[in-house]
C-alpha atoms as a PDB file:
ATOM      1  CA  UNK A   1     155.535 -61.512  74.844  1.00  0.00           C
ATOM      2  CA  UNK A   2     156.205 -58.756  77.300  1.00  0.00           C
ATOM      3  CA  UNK A   3     153.290 -56.659  78.159  1.00  0.00           C
ATOM      4  CA  UNK A   4     153.355 -52.800  78.641  1.00  0.00           C
ATOM      5  CA  UNK A   5     153.042 -53.246  82.440  1.00  0.00           C
ATOM      6  CA  UNK A   6     155.869 -55.834  82.553  1.00  0.00           C
ATOM      7  CA  UNK A   7     158.110 -53.495  80.493  1.00  0.00           C
ATOM      8  CA  UNK A   8     157.252 -50.499  82.825  1.00  0.00           C
ATOM      9  CA  UNK A   9     157.981 -52.494  85.909  1.00  0.00           C
ATOM     10  CA  UNK A  10     161.291 -53.693  84.417  1.00  0.00           C
ATOM     11  CA  UNK A  11     162.283 -50.080  83.482  1.00  0.00           C
ATOM     12  CA  UNK A  12     161.369 -48.941  87.044  1.00  0.00           C
ATOM     13  CA  UNK A  13     163.486 -51.740  88.550  1.00  0.00           C
ATOM     14  CA  UNK A  14     166.455 -50.813  86.410  1.00  0.00           C
ATOM     15  CA  UNK A  15     166.154 -47.134  87.331  1.00  0.00           C
ATOM     16  CA  UNK A  16     165.934 -48.060  91.041  1.00  0.00           C
ATOM     17  CA  UNK A  17     169.064 -50.239  90.766  1.00  0.00           C
ATOM     18  CA  UNK A  18     171.006 -47.408  89.105  1.00  0.00           C
ATOM     19  CA  UNK A  19     170.008 -45.074  91.869  1.00  0.00           C
ATOM     20  CA  UNK A  20     171.213 -47.501  94.454  1.00  0.00           C
ATOM     21  CA  UNK A  21     174.619 -47.951  92.692  1.00  0.00           C
ATOM     22  CA  UNK A  22     174.923 -44.145  92.584  1.00  0.00           C
ATOM     23  CA  UNK A  23     174.220 -43.851  96.322  1.00  0.00           C
ATOM     24  CA  UNK A  24     176.650 -46.590  97.132  1.00  0.00           C
ATOM     25  CA  UNK A  25     179.356 -44.792  95.130  1.00  0.00           C
ATOM     26  CA  UNK A  26     178.574 -41.546  96.787  1.00  0.00           C
ATOM     27  CA  UNK A  27     178.910 -43.149 100.239  1.00  0.00           C
ATOM     28  CA  UNK A  28     182.331 -44.732  99.234  1.00  0.00           C
ATOM     29  CA  UNK A  29     183.638 -41.265  97.856  1.00  0.00           C
ATOM     30  CA  UNK A  30     182.436 -39.615 101.218  1.00  0.00           C
ATOM     31  CA  UNK A  31     184.205 -42.244 103.257  1.00  0.00           C
ATOM     32  CA  UNK A  32     187.387 -41.703 101.274  1.00  0.00           C
ATOM     33  CA  UNK A  33     187.130 -37.997 101.676  1.00  0.00           C
ATOM     34  CA  UNK A  34     186.594 -38.254 105.447  1.00  0.00           C
ATOM     35  CA  UNK A  35     189.687 -40.417 105.761  1.00  0.00           C
ATOM     36  CA  UNK A  36     191.683 -37.646 104.042  1.00  0.00           C
ATOM     37  CA  UNK A  37     190.243 -34.988 106.172  1.00  0.00           C
ATOM     38  CA  UNK A  38     190.823 -37.015 109.432  1.00  0.00           C
ATOM     39  CA  UNK A  39     194.480 -37.672 108.308  1.00  0.00           C
ATOM     40  CA  UNK A  40     195.053 -33.992 107.795  1.00  0.00           C
ATOM     41  CA  UNK A  41     193.454 -33.064 111.188  1.00  0.00           C
ATOM     42  CA  UNK A  42     195.729 -35.803 112.774  1.00  0.00           C
ATOM     43  CA  UNK A  43     198.822 -33.658 112.100  1.00  0.00           C
ATOM     44  CA  UNK A  44     197.462 -30.566 113.881  1.00  0.00           C
ATOM     45  CA  UNK A  45     198.706 -31.223 117.345  1.00  0.00           C
ATOM     46  CA  UNK A  46     201.501 -29.372 118.951  1.00  0.00           C
ATOM     47  CA  UNK A  47     202.131 -26.372 121.131  1.00  0.00           C
ATOM     48  CA  UNK A  48     199.350 -24.759 123.056  1.00  0.00           C
ATOM     49  CA  UNK A  49     195.935 -26.525 122.903  1.00  0.00           C
ATOM     50  CA  UNK A  50     193.905 -28.917 120.898  1.00  0.00           C
ATOM     51  CA  UNK A  51     192.229 -28.700 117.571  1.00  0.00           C
ATOM     52  CA  UNK A  52     188.986 -30.607 118.226  1.00  0.00           C
ATOM     53  CA  UNK A  53     186.925 -32.098 115.365  1.00  0.00           C
ATOM     54  CA  UNK A  54     183.632 -30.712 116.701  1.00  0.00           C
ATOM     55  CA  UNK A  55     184.478 -28.234 119.378  1.00  0.00           C
ATOM     56  CA  UNK A  56     185.983 -24.682 119.551  1.00  0.00           C
ATOM     57  CA  UNK A  57     189.737 -24.411 119.591  1.00  0.00           C
ATOM     58  CA  UNK A  58     191.239 -23.105 122.845  1.00  0.00           C
ATOM     59  CA  UNK A  59     194.816 -22.015 123.280  1.00  0.00           C
ATOM     60  CA  UNK A  60     196.679 -23.143 126.398  1.00  0.00           C
ATOM     61  CA  UNK A  61     200.390 -22.173 125.976  1.00  0.00           C
ATOM     62  CA  UNK A  62     201.495 -24.345 128.875  1.00  0.00           C
ATOM     63  CA  UNK A  63     200.971 -27.684 127.161  1.00  0.00           C
ATOM     64  CA  UNK A  64     199.862 -29.591 124.166  1.00  0.00           C
ATOM     65  CA  UNK A  65     196.651 -31.580 123.860  1.00  0.00           C
ATOM     66  CA  UNK A  66     195.981 -34.397 121.416  1.00  0.00           C
ATOM     67  CA  UNK A  67     193.588 -34.006 118.588  1.00  0.00           C
ATOM     68  CA  UNK A  68     190.317 -35.739 119.186  1.00  0.00           C
ATOM     69  CA  UNK A  69     189.673 -36.356 115.451  1.00  0.00           C
ATOM     70  CA  UNK A  70     190.129 -39.919 114.331  1.00  0.00           C
ATOM     71  CA  UNK A  71     193.420 -40.689 112.533  1.00  0.00           C
ATOM     72  CA  UNK A  72     193.589 -42.561 109.190  1.00  0.00           C
ATOM     73  CA  UNK A  73     192.367 -46.132 109.088  1.00  0.00           C
ATOM     74  CA  UNK A  74     194.892 -48.704 110.338  1.00  0.00           C
ATOM     75  CA  UNK A  75     196.897 -50.965 108.118  1.00  0.00           C
ATOM     76  CA  UNK A  76     197.358 -54.530 108.662  1.00  0.00           C
ATOM     77  CA  UNK A  77     200.040 -55.503 111.235  1.00  0.00           C
ATOM     78  CA  UNK A  78     203.386 -56.676 109.968  1.00  0.00           C
ATOM     79  CA  UNK A  79     206.426 -57.972 112.106  1.00  0.00           C
ATOM     80  CA  UNK A  80     208.171 -55.298 114.100  1.00  0.00           C
ATOM     81  CA  UNK A  81     211.179 -54.307 112.017  1.00  0.00           C
ATOM     82  CA  UNK A  82     212.820 -52.388 114.990  1.00  0.00           C
ATOM     83  CA  UNK A  83     214.994 -53.226 117.906  1.00  0.00           C
ATOM     84  CA  UNK A  84     214.568 -52.750 121.666  1.00  0.00           C
ATOM     85  CA  UNK A  85     214.918 -49.264 123.020  1.00  0.00           C
ATOM     86  CA  UNK A  86     218.019 -48.261 124.927  1.00  0.00           C
ATOM     87  CA  UNK A  87     217.804 -48.042 128.655  1.00  0.00           C
ATOM     88  CA  UNK A  88     216.504 -44.667 129.938  1.00  0.00           C
ATOM     89  CA  UNK A  89     213.359 -42.614 130.262  1.00  0.00           C
ATOM     90  CA  UNK A  90     212.285 -39.326 128.695  1.00  0.00           C
ATOM     91  CA  UNK A  91     212.947 -36.121 130.573  1.00  0.00           C
ATOM     92  CA  UNK A  92     209.820 -34.501 131.919  1.00  0.00           C
ATOM     93  CA  UNK A  93     209.417 -30.730 132.354  1.00  0.00           C
ATOM     94  CA  UNK A  94     208.824 -27.619 130.518  1.00  0.00           C
ATOM     95  CA  UNK A  95     210.616 -24.280 129.924  1.00  0.00           C
ATOM     96  CA  UNK A  96     209.223 -20.814 130.702  1.00  0.00           C
ATOM     97  CA  UNK A  97     209.864 -19.281 127.297  1.00  0.00           C
ATOM     98  CA  UNK A  98     211.389 -19.733 123.861  1.00  0.00           C
ATOM     99  CA  UNK A  99     215.232 -19.931 124.176  1.00  0.00           C
ATOM    100  CA  UNK A 100     217.326 -17.030 123.100  1.00  0.00           C
ATOM    101  CA  UNK A 101     218.805 -17.208 119.581  1.00  0.00           C
ATOM    102  CA  UNK A 102     222.148 -19.011 119.793  1.00  0.00           C
ATOM    103  CA  UNK A 103     222.621 -20.636 116.352  1.00  0.00           C
ATOM    104  CA  UNK A 104     224.464 -19.105 113.486  1.00  0.00           C
ATOM    105  CA  UNK A 105     221.788 -18.831 110.740  1.00  0.00           C
ATOM    106  CA  UNK A 106     224.509 -18.741 108.051  1.00  0.00           C
ATOM    107  CA  UNK A 107     225.888 -22.205 109.122  1.00  0.00           C
ATOM    108  CA  UNK A 108     224.727 -25.753 108.316  1.00  0.00           C
ATOM    109  CA  UNK A 109     223.157 -27.791 110.996  1.00  0.00           C
ATOM    110  CA  UNK A 110     222.262 -31.531 110.974  1.00  0.00           C
ATOM    111  CA  UNK A 111     219.993 -33.175 113.488  1.00  0.00           C
ATOM    112  CA  UNK A 112     220.560 -36.897 113.945  1.00  0.00           C
ATOM    113  CA  UNK A 113     217.886 -39.065 115.324  1.00  0.00           C
ATOM    114  CA  UNK A 114     219.304 -42.397 116.556  1.00  0.00           C
ATOM    115  CA  UNK A 115     216.227 -44.528 116.706  1.00  0.00           C
ATOM    116  CA  UNK A 116     215.446 -48.207 117.419  1.00  0.00           C
ATOM    117  CA  UNK A 117     214.859 -48.579 113.683  1.00  0.00           C
ATOM    118  CA  UNK A 118     217.896 -46.931 112.448  1.00  0.00           C
ATOM    119  CA  UNK A 119     219.529 -43.587 112.196  1.00  0.00           C
ATOM    120  CA  UNK A 120     217.717 -40.668 110.552  1.00  0.00           C
ATOM    121  CA  UNK A 121     219.710 -37.538 109.649  1.00  0.00           C
ATOM    122  CA  UNK A 122     218.022 -34.263 108.931  1.00  0.00           C
ATOM    123  CA  UNK A 123     219.674 -31.302 107.180  1.00  0.00           C
ATOM    124  CA  UNK A 124     218.262 -28.412 109.061  1.00  0.00           C
ATOM    125  CA  UNK A 125     217.176 -25.131 107.406  1.00  0.00           C
ATOM    126  CA  UNK A 126     218.743 -22.685 109.856  1.00  0.00           C
ATOM    127  CA  UNK A 127     218.410 -19.583 107.584  1.00  0.00           C
ATOM    128  CA  UNK A 128     214.854 -20.197 106.481  1.00  0.00           C
ATOM    129  CA  UNK A 129     213.487 -21.349 109.865  1.00  0.00           C
ATOM    130  CA  UNK A 130     215.786 -19.841 112.549  1.00  0.00           C
ATOM    131  CA  UNK A 131     213.417 -19.987 115.514  1.00  0.00           C
ATOM    132  CA  UNK A 132     212.577 -23.694 114.803  1.00  0.00           C
ATOM    133  CA  UNK A 133     216.068 -24.881 114.308  1.00  0.00           C
ATOM    134  CA  UNK A 134     217.226 -22.821 117.356  1.00  0.00           C
ATOM    135  CA  UNK A 135     214.435 -24.363 119.439  1.00  0.00           C
ATOM    136  CA  UNK A 136     215.472 -27.941 118.464  1.00  0.00           C
ATOM    137  CA  UNK A 137     219.148 -27.072 119.132  1.00  0.00           C
ATOM    138  CA  UNK A 138     218.090 -26.072 122.648  1.00  0.00           C
ATOM    139  CA  UNK A 139     215.803 -28.961 123.339  1.00  0.00           C
ATOM    140  CA  UNK A 140     218.216 -31.586 121.951  1.00  0.00           C
ATOM    141  CA  UNK A 141     221.012 -30.129 123.995  1.00  0.00           C
ATOM    142  CA  UNK A 142     218.696 -30.730 127.109  1.00  0.00           C
ATOM    143  CA  UNK A 143     218.132 -34.295 126.071  1.00  0.00           C
ATOM    144  CA  UNK A 144     214.411 -33.432 125.530  1.00  0.00           C
ATOM    145  CA  UNK A 145     213.957 -36.008 122.702  1.00  0.00           C
ATOM    146  CA  UNK A 146     216.048 -38.833 124.158  1.00  0.00           C
ATOM    147  CA  UNK A 147     214.100 -42.039 124.863  1.00  0.00           C
ATOM    148  CA  UNK A 148     210.860 -40.651 123.365  1.00  0.00           C
ATOM    149  CA  UNK A 149     208.624 -42.695 121.110  1.00  0.00           C
ATOM    150  CA  UNK A 150     207.146 -41.556 117.884  1.00  0.00           C
ATOM    151  CA  UNK A 151     203.399 -41.710 118.687  1.00  0.00           C
ATOM    152  CA  UNK A 152     201.646 -41.457 115.379  1.00  0.00           C
ATOM    153  CA  UNK A 153     201.821 -42.941 111.830  1.00  0.00           C
ATOM    154  CA  UNK A 154     199.308 -41.995 109.274  1.00  0.00           C
ATOM    155  CA  UNK A 155     199.178 -44.465 106.373  1.00  0.00           C
ATOM    156  CA  UNK A 156     196.370 -42.985 104.312  1.00  0.00           C
ATOM    157  CA  UNK A 157     195.601 -39.514 102.887  1.00  0.00           C
ATOM    158  CA  UNK A 158     198.811 -38.091 104.249  1.00  0.00           C
ATOM    159  CA  UNK A 159     201.939 -40.216 104.972  1.00  0.00           C
ATOM    160  CA  UNK A 160     203.866 -38.966 108.007  1.00  0.00           C
ATOM    161  CA  UNK A 161     205.446 -40.209 111.162  1.00  0.00           C
ATOM    162  CA  UNK A 162     204.935 -37.816 114.061  1.00  0.00           C
ATOM    163  CA  UNK A 163     207.432 -37.558 116.941  1.00  0.00           C
ATOM    164  CA  UNK A 164     208.468 -35.093 119.676  1.00  0.00           C
ATOM    165  CA  UNK A 165     206.133 -35.890 122.559  1.00  0.00           C
ATOM    166  CA  UNK A 166     208.050 -37.012 125.657  1.00  0.00           C
ATOM    167  CA  UNK A 167     204.957 -38.537 127.151  1.00  0.00           C
ATOM    168  CA  UNK A 168     204.544 -40.561 123.763  1.00  0.00           C
ATOM    169  CA  UNK A 169     200.860 -39.716 123.298  1.00  0.00           C
ATOM    170  CA  UNK A 170     200.919 -36.237 121.728  1.00  0.00           C
ATOM    171  CA  UNK A 171     199.569 -34.484 124.764  1.00  0.00           C
ATOM    172  CA  UNK A 172     202.608 -32.492 125.830  1.00  0.00           C
ATOM    173  CA  UNK A 173     205.239 -29.966 124.750  1.00  0.00           C
ATOM    174  CA  UNK A 174     208.100 -27.807 125.977  1.00  0.00           C
ATOM    175  CA  UNK A 175     205.857 -25.153 127.688  1.00  0.00           C
ATOM    176  CA  UNK A 176     206.582 -22.480 125.031  1.00  0.00           C
ATOM    177  CA  UNK A 177     205.464 -21.890 121.408  1.00  0.00           C
ATOM    178  CA  UNK A 178     207.515 -20.830 118.411  1.00  0.00           C
ATOM    179  CA  UNK A 179     206.467 -18.798 115.352  1.00  0.00           C
ATOM    180  CA  UNK A 180     205.397 -20.403 111.959  1.00  0.00           C
ATOM    181  CA  UNK A 181     208.270 -19.989 109.433  1.00  0.00           C
ATOM    182  CA  UNK A 182     209.209 -20.787 105.892  1.00  0.00           C
ATOM    183  CA  UNK A 183     205.701 -21.418 104.723  1.00  0.00           C
ATOM    184  CA  UNK A 184     206.654 -20.285 101.214  1.00  0.00           C
ATOM    185  CA  UNK A 185     209.431 -22.753 100.912  1.00  0.00           C
ATOM    186  CA  UNK A 186     210.084 -23.595  97.229  1.00  0.00           C
ATOM    187  CA  UNK A 187     209.639 -27.344  97.945  1.00  0.00           C
ATOM    188  CA  UNK A 188     205.944 -26.807  98.841  1.00  0.00           C
ATOM    189  CA  UNK A 189     204.353 -26.952  95.449  1.00  0.00           C
ATOM    190  CA  UNK A 190     200.768 -27.604  94.615  1.00  0.00           C
ATOM    191  CA  UNK A 191     199.645 -28.166  98.127  1.00  0.00           C
ATOM    192  CA  UNK A 192     202.039 -31.063  98.739  1.00  0.00           C
ATOM    193  CA  UNK A 193     204.697 -31.727 101.291  1.00  0.00           C
ATOM    194  CA  UNK A 194     207.149 -33.867  99.411  1.00  0.00           C
ATOM    195  CA  UNK A 195     208.719 -37.045 100.780  1.00  0.00           C
ATOM    196  CA  UNK A 196     211.800 -36.308 102.876  1.00  0.00           C
ATOM    197  CA  UNK A 197     210.342 -33.152 104.374  1.00  0.00           C
ATOM    198  CA  UNK A 198     210.468 -32.609 108.233  1.00  0.00           C
ATOM    199  CA  UNK A 199     207.900 -30.044 109.394  1.00  0.00           C
ATOM    200  CA  UNK A 200     206.361 -28.804 112.637  1.00  0.00           C
ATOM    201  CA  UNK A 201     203.017 -29.943 113.867  1.00  0.00           C
ATOM    202  CA  UNK A 202     200.831 -27.045 115.070  1.00  0.00           C
ATOM    203  CA  UNK A 203     197.238 -26.057 115.830  1.00  0.00           C
ATOM    204  CA  UNK A 204     196.362 -23.723 113.027  1.00  0.00           C
ATOM    205  CA  UNK A 205     192.655 -23.812 112.269  1.00  0.00           C
ATOM    206  CA  UNK A 206     192.401 -22.594 108.674  1.00  0.00           C
ATOM    207  CA  UNK A 207     188.585 -22.104 108.906  1.00  0.00           C
ATOM    208  CA  UNK A 208     188.680 -20.079 112.018  1.00  0.00           C
ATOM    209  CA  UNK A 209     192.087 -18.580 111.145  1.00  0.00           C
ATOM    210  CA  UNK A 210     193.203 -19.128 114.633  1.00  0.00           C
ATOM    211  CA  UNK A 211     196.366 -20.947 116.100  1.00  0.00           C
ATOM    212  CA  UNK A 212     199.140 -19.467 114.097  1.00  0.00           C
ATOM    213  CA  UNK A 213     202.660 -19.566 115.888  1.00  0.00           C
ATOM    214  CA  UNK A 214     201.635 -22.525 118.011  1.00  0.00           C
ATOM    215  CA  UNK A 215     204.467 -24.868 117.300  1.00  0.00           C
ATOM    216  CA  UNK A 216     206.088 -26.707 120.245  1.00  0.00           C
ATOM    217  CA  UNK A 217     208.299 -29.825 120.135  1.00  0.00           C
ATOM    218  CA  UNK A 218     206.157 -32.089 117.993  1.00  0.00           C
ATOM    219  CA  UNK A 219     207.158 -32.567 114.365  1.00  0.00           C
ATOM    220  CA  UNK A 220     206.430 -34.965 111.495  1.00  0.00           C
ATOM    221  CA  UNK A 221     208.576 -36.724 108.889  1.00  0.00           C
ATOM    222  CA  UNK A 222     207.074 -37.242 105.507  1.00  0.00           C
ATOM    223  CA  UNK A 223     207.768 -40.639 103.969  1.00  0.00           C
ATOM    224  CA  UNK A 224     205.604 -40.236 100.927  1.00  0.00           C
ATOM    225  CA  UNK A 225     204.375 -37.028  99.060  1.00  0.00           C
ATOM    226  CA  UNK A 226     201.424 -35.818 101.169  1.00  0.00           C
ATOM    227  CA  UNK A 227     198.665 -33.341 100.268  1.00  0.00           C
ATOM    228  CA  UNK A 228     198.710 -30.596 102.952  1.00  0.00           C
ATOM    229  CA  UNK A 229     198.286 -26.887 102.883  1.00  0.00           C
ATOM    230  CA  UNK A 230     201.474 -24.815 103.468  1.00  0.00           C
ATOM    231  CA  UNK A 231     200.603 -24.191 107.211  1.00  0.00           C
ATOM    232  CA  UNK A 232     203.308 -26.331 108.837  1.00  0.00           C
ATOM    233  CA  UNK A 233     206.892 -24.880 109.071  1.00  0.00           C
ATOM    234  CA  UNK A 234     209.252 -27.087 106.953  1.00  0.00           C
ATOM    235  CA  UNK A 235     212.615 -26.965 108.612  1.00  0.00           C
ATOM    236  CA  UNK A 236     214.615 -30.003 107.516  1.00  0.00           C
ATOM    237  CA  UNK A 237     215.242 -32.578 104.810  1.00  0.00           C
ATOM    238  CA  UNK A 238     215.886 -36.328 105.498  1.00  0.00           C
ATOM    239  CA  UNK A 239     218.859 -38.022 104.035  1.00  0.00           C
ATOM    240  CA  UNK A 240     218.505 -41.127 101.725  1.00  0.00           C
ATOM    241  CA  UNK A 241     219.460 -43.640 104.603  1.00  0.00           C
ATOM    242  CA  UNK A 242     216.963 -41.954 106.843  1.00  0.00           C
ATOM    243  CA  UNK A 243     214.284 -42.345 104.063  1.00  0.00           C
ATOM    244  CA  UNK A 244     214.931 -46.017 103.974  1.00  0.00           C
ATOM    245  CA  UNK A 245     214.456 -46.264 107.724  1.00  0.00           C
ATOM    246  CA  UNK A 246     211.160 -44.366 107.369  1.00  0.00           C
ATOM    247  CA  UNK A 247     209.860 -46.561 104.732  1.00  0.00           C
ATOM    248  CA  UNK A 248     210.691 -49.575 106.858  1.00  0.00           C
ATOM    249  CA  UNK A 249     208.672 -48.088 109.748  1.00  0.00           C
ATOM    250  CA  UNK A 250     205.808 -47.241 107.402  1.00  0.00           C
ATOM    251  CA  UNK A 251     205.873 -50.873 105.905  1.00  0.00           C
ATOM    252  CA  UNK A 252     204.931 -52.330 109.430  1.00  0.00           C
ATOM    253  CA  UNK A 253     201.659 -50.356 109.368  1.00  0.00           C
ATOM    254  CA  UNK A 254     199.708 -48.537 111.997  1.00  0.00           C
ATOM    255  CA  UNK A 255     197.610 -49.698 114.984  1.00  0.00           C
ATOM    256  CA  UNK A 256     193.842 -48.894 115.313  1.00  0.00           C
ATOM    257  CA  UNK A 257     193.016 -45.407 116.718  1.00  0.00           C
ATOM    258  CA  UNK A 258     193.523 -44.882 120.385  1.00  0.00           C
ATOM    259  CA  UNK A 259     190.114 -44.304 121.946  1.00  0.00           C
ATOM    260  CA  UNK A 260     191.382 -41.381 124.065  1.00  0.00           C
ATOM    261  CA  UNK A 261     193.779 -39.547 121.728  1.00  0.00           C
ATOM    262  CA  UNK A 262     192.744 -40.715 118.315  1.00  0.00           C
ATOM    263  CA  UNK A 263     196.416 -41.475 117.617  1.00  0.00           C
ATOM    264  CA  UNK A 264     197.237 -44.395 115.163  1.00  0.00           C
ATOM    265  CA  UNK A 265     200.517 -45.544 116.572  1.00  0.00           C
ATOM    266  CA  UNK A 266     203.086 -47.218 114.367  1.00  0.00           C
ATOM    267  CA  UNK A 267     203.197 -50.902 114.741  1.00  0.00           C
ATOM    268  CA  UNK A 268     206.992 -50.654 114.770  1.00  0.00           C
ATOM    269  CA  UNK A 269     208.625 -49.851 118.032  1.00  0.00           C
ATOM    270  CA  UNK A 270     209.963 -46.406 116.953  1.00  0.00           C
ATOM    271  CA  UNK A 271     211.925 -44.777 119.894  1.00  0.00           C
ATOM    272  CA  UNK A 272     214.430 -42.011 119.575  1.00  0.00           C
ATOM    273  CA  UNK A 273     217.281 -43.330 121.732  1.00  0.00           C
ATOM    274  CA  UNK A 274     219.349 -40.266 121.187  1.00  0.00           C
ATOM    275  CA  UNK A 275     219.045 -36.974 119.333  1.00  0.00           C
ATOM    276  CA  UNK A 276     221.936 -34.694 118.516  1.00  0.00           C
ATOM    277  CA  UNK A 277     222.398 -31.429 116.560  1.00  0.00           C
ATOM    278  CA  UNK A 278     225.729 -30.672 114.962  1.00  0.00           C
ATOM    279  CA  UNK A 279     226.995 -27.615 113.253  1.00  0.00           C
ATOM    280  CA  UNK A 280     228.888 -27.844 109.926  1.00  0.00           C
END
């Protein structure tokens, strides 16, 4: 027969176990939330300064700085699905100011990225994002993206491949910044950047409301619908063949965060051998 004291101790023990389970669940939910937050911060890295996780944001228009926040957790490594890079090295250097407008905003433009993993074609939104498309037309014409590696893959929370850093570590840019554009694009519904979107990385800090118009040369390609606020200029859409290439890259997973930059580099050897922009 169970005494009152034994019953009381049993009830107390069961209550304690329930409390412990709730605490474990809360910790797990917090970890998942932090992964998503870190993944979002990982995109905020282009033109003019760094958005730091626990430090004030400072603008430096001369160069980009990598975000010190950790990227999303790495995925398990798979065989490298990509080929060897073509011979050549990225072109260093910066430009004193945003290039003068030279594109026809009423025309169709396509940017082709010939990568070690396959070709990715991007239909550019010249009318909706003229400064951004004009900038890439200028940079690509200078060979700025040739022989550059894509330095970040985020496999959790948001799903993007980030490119556009000649140094290959997210710490540089073209020396000038361009304005945010097309933030009310019809494709950005419900706080989601849909798969196939190409958008600018930048340094906008929504809490401090600083860092607008800070895009440079770094951009990201969305390979799976990603929850992001509409703060990053969407300026292109990837074709079907390009999406297949992106998914192949994502399937190889990402490395552990770099201790200096926080980047989770793709396990695949993703190098843009040649970039071109064509009209029509």
